Protein backbone atom coordinates (compact mmCIF):
# COMPACT_ATOMS: atom_id res chain seq x y z
CA UNK A 1 131.54 50.96 34.61
CA UNK A 2 135.34 50.91 34.33
CA UNK A 3 137.24 50.90 31.05
CA UNK A 4 138.36 47.34 31.74
CA UNK A 5 134.75 46.18 32.33
CA UNK A 6 133.52 47.87 29.15
CA UNK A 7 136.33 46.26 27.16
CA UNK A 8 135.46 42.85 28.62
CA UNK A 9 131.83 43.31 27.50
CA UNK A 10 133.01 44.16 23.99
CA UNK A 11 135.25 41.06 23.92
CA UNK A 12 132.25 38.94 24.96
CA UNK A 13 130.04 40.55 22.30
CA UNK A 14 132.60 39.83 19.57
CA UNK A 15 133.20 36.27 20.78
CA UNK A 16 129.62 35.40 19.84
CA UNK A 17 130.72 35.46 16.18
CA UNK A 18 133.40 33.28 14.60
CA UNK A 19 133.06 34.75 11.13
CA UNK A 20 134.55 38.18 10.46
CA UNK A 21 131.73 39.07 8.08
CA UNK A 22 129.38 38.77 11.07
CA UNK A 23 131.75 40.88 13.18
CA UNK A 24 131.84 43.56 10.48
CA UNK A 25 128.03 43.50 10.42
CA UNK A 26 128.05 43.99 14.19
CA UNK A 27 130.49 46.91 13.83
CA UNK A 28 128.18 48.51 11.27
CA UNK A 29 125.21 48.09 13.63
CA UNK A 30 127.23 49.55 16.50
CA UNK A 31 128.07 52.56 14.38
CA UNK A 32 124.36 53.39 14.30
CA UNK A 33 124.55 53.97 18.07
CA UNK A 34 127.44 56.45 17.78
CA UNK A 35 126.74 59.75 19.55
CA UNK A 36 126.65 61.99 16.50
CA UNK A 37 128.83 65.05 16.45
CA UNK A 38 127.03 68.39 16.33
CA UNK A 39 127.10 69.99 12.87
CA UNK A 40 129.21 72.89 14.17
CA UNK A 41 132.08 70.41 14.72
CA UNK A 42 131.77 68.72 11.34
CA UNK A 43 134.64 70.66 9.80
CA UNK A 44 138.34 70.26 9.07
CA UNK A 45 139.35 71.35 12.57
CA UNK A 46 137.73 68.18 14.03
CA UNK A 47 138.69 65.84 11.18
CA UNK A 48 141.09 63.09 12.23
CA UNK A 49 144.21 63.05 10.08
CA UNK A 50 145.45 59.64 8.99
CA UNK A 51 142.08 58.05 8.33
CA UNK A 52 141.17 56.76 4.88
CA UNK A 53 137.57 57.79 5.54
CA UNK A 54 136.47 61.11 6.90
CA UNK A 55 136.09 60.92 10.70
CA UNK A 56 135.14 63.89 12.84
CA UNK A 57 135.71 63.76 16.59
CA UNK A 58 134.78 66.21 19.32
CA UNK A 59 135.27 65.94 23.06
CA UNK A 60 134.20 67.92 26.07
CA UNK A 61 134.89 67.74 29.77
CA UNK A 62 131.88 67.62 32.09
CA UNK A 63 132.22 67.09 35.83
CA UNK A 64 135.75 65.75 35.45
CA UNK A 65 134.83 63.22 32.77
CA UNK A 66 135.44 63.25 29.01
CA UNK A 67 132.54 62.78 26.59
CA UNK A 68 133.15 62.16 22.91
CA UNK A 69 130.93 62.55 19.86
CA UNK A 70 131.88 61.56 16.33
CA UNK A 71 130.76 60.74 12.83
CA UNK A 72 132.22 59.16 9.74
CA UNK A 73 131.27 58.87 6.10
CA UNK A 74 132.10 55.12 6.16
CA UNK A 75 129.94 52.63 8.06
CA UNK A 76 132.72 50.33 9.33
CA UNK A 77 134.83 53.29 10.38
CA UNK A 78 131.85 54.73 12.22
CA UNK A 79 131.55 51.41 14.07
CA UNK A 80 135.22 51.54 14.99
CA UNK A 81 135.04 55.07 16.38
CA UNK A 82 131.91 54.08 18.28
CA UNK A 83 133.80 51.17 19.89
CA UNK A 84 136.41 53.63 21.12
CA UNK A 85 133.78 56.09 22.30
CA UNK A 86 132.01 53.29 24.15
CA UNK A 87 135.26 52.53 25.99
CA UNK A 88 136.41 56.09 26.70
CA UNK A 89 133.32 58.30 27.00
CA UNK A 90 132.32 59.10 30.56
CA UNK A 91 135.78 58.31 31.93
CA UNK A 92 138.29 60.64 33.59
CA UNK A 93 141.23 61.94 31.55
CA UNK A 94 143.60 59.97 33.81
CA UNK A 95 141.72 56.70 33.24
CA UNK A 96 141.70 57.26 29.48
CA UNK A 97 145.41 58.02 29.39
CA UNK A 98 146.30 54.92 31.41
CA UNK A 99 143.95 52.57 29.55
CA UNK A 100 145.28 49.32 28.16
CA UNK A 101 143.61 48.83 24.78
CA UNK A 102 144.53 45.17 24.41
CA UNK A 103 140.86 44.42 23.72
CA UNK A 104 141.49 45.58 20.13
CA UNK A 105 143.92 42.68 19.72
CA UNK A 106 141.73 40.25 21.66
CA UNK A 107 138.75 40.79 19.36
CA UNK A 108 141.07 40.52 16.35
CA UNK A 109 140.17 43.94 14.99
CA UNK A 110 143.67 45.11 14.10
CA UNK A 111 144.49 41.97 12.12
CA UNK A 112 141.25 42.16 10.12
CA UNK A 113 141.59 45.78 9.03
CA UNK A 114 143.26 46.95 5.86
CA UNK A 115 146.56 48.80 6.46
CA UNK A 116 144.87 52.16 5.82
CA UNK A 117 142.00 51.39 8.23
CA UNK A 118 144.52 50.15 10.78
CA UNK A 119 146.38 53.46 10.49
CA UNK A 120 143.05 55.22 10.92
CA UNK A 121 142.37 53.27 14.12
CA UNK A 122 145.74 54.37 15.51
CA UNK A 123 144.93 57.98 14.54
CA UNK A 124 141.53 57.79 16.27
CA UNK A 125 143.07 56.50 19.49
CA UNK A 126 145.81 59.12 19.30
CA UNK A 127 143.30 61.96 18.87
CA UNK A 128 141.17 60.71 21.78
CA UNK A 129 144.28 60.55 23.96
CA UNK A 130 145.26 64.08 22.92
CA UNK A 131 141.86 65.34 24.07
CA UNK A 132 142.26 63.49 27.39
CA UNK A 133 145.76 64.92 27.85
CA UNK A 134 144.51 68.45 27.13
CA UNK A 135 141.64 68.06 29.62
CA UNK A 136 144.00 66.62 32.25
CA UNK A 137 146.25 69.65 31.81
CA UNK A 138 143.24 71.96 32.00
CA UNK A 139 142.27 70.44 35.35
CA UNK A 140 145.83 70.80 36.66
CA UNK A 141 145.99 74.45 35.60
CA UNK A 142 142.67 75.41 37.16
């Protein structure tokens, strides 16, 4: 499935709910599906700076595709990182780097987050892009 198709599915899932309390509940449920980071990566080196909550993120390149795992100590934040993982995991570094993340605006996520959570979302995306950029460079160099 392409990034665009995955994002469209997420938009459709969120459109089932008009109330943001229901959408937050869905985010919390989604967070339970997050591919949990291995304990060896649950340290400061993998902690995303700029998040109000603690969020650990790890990525690896397998067969030309990036796979992310993560965890957070906050349930909504864990749902947010899972949304991003759902979109990016299993995609090529090039596809990740060229992705249009307008789905975040379309589902209304940015406007319903506190300023600190919104900053955290930006930091999560930035870190995922940095991994993709590093893996892209790794492929070029090899």
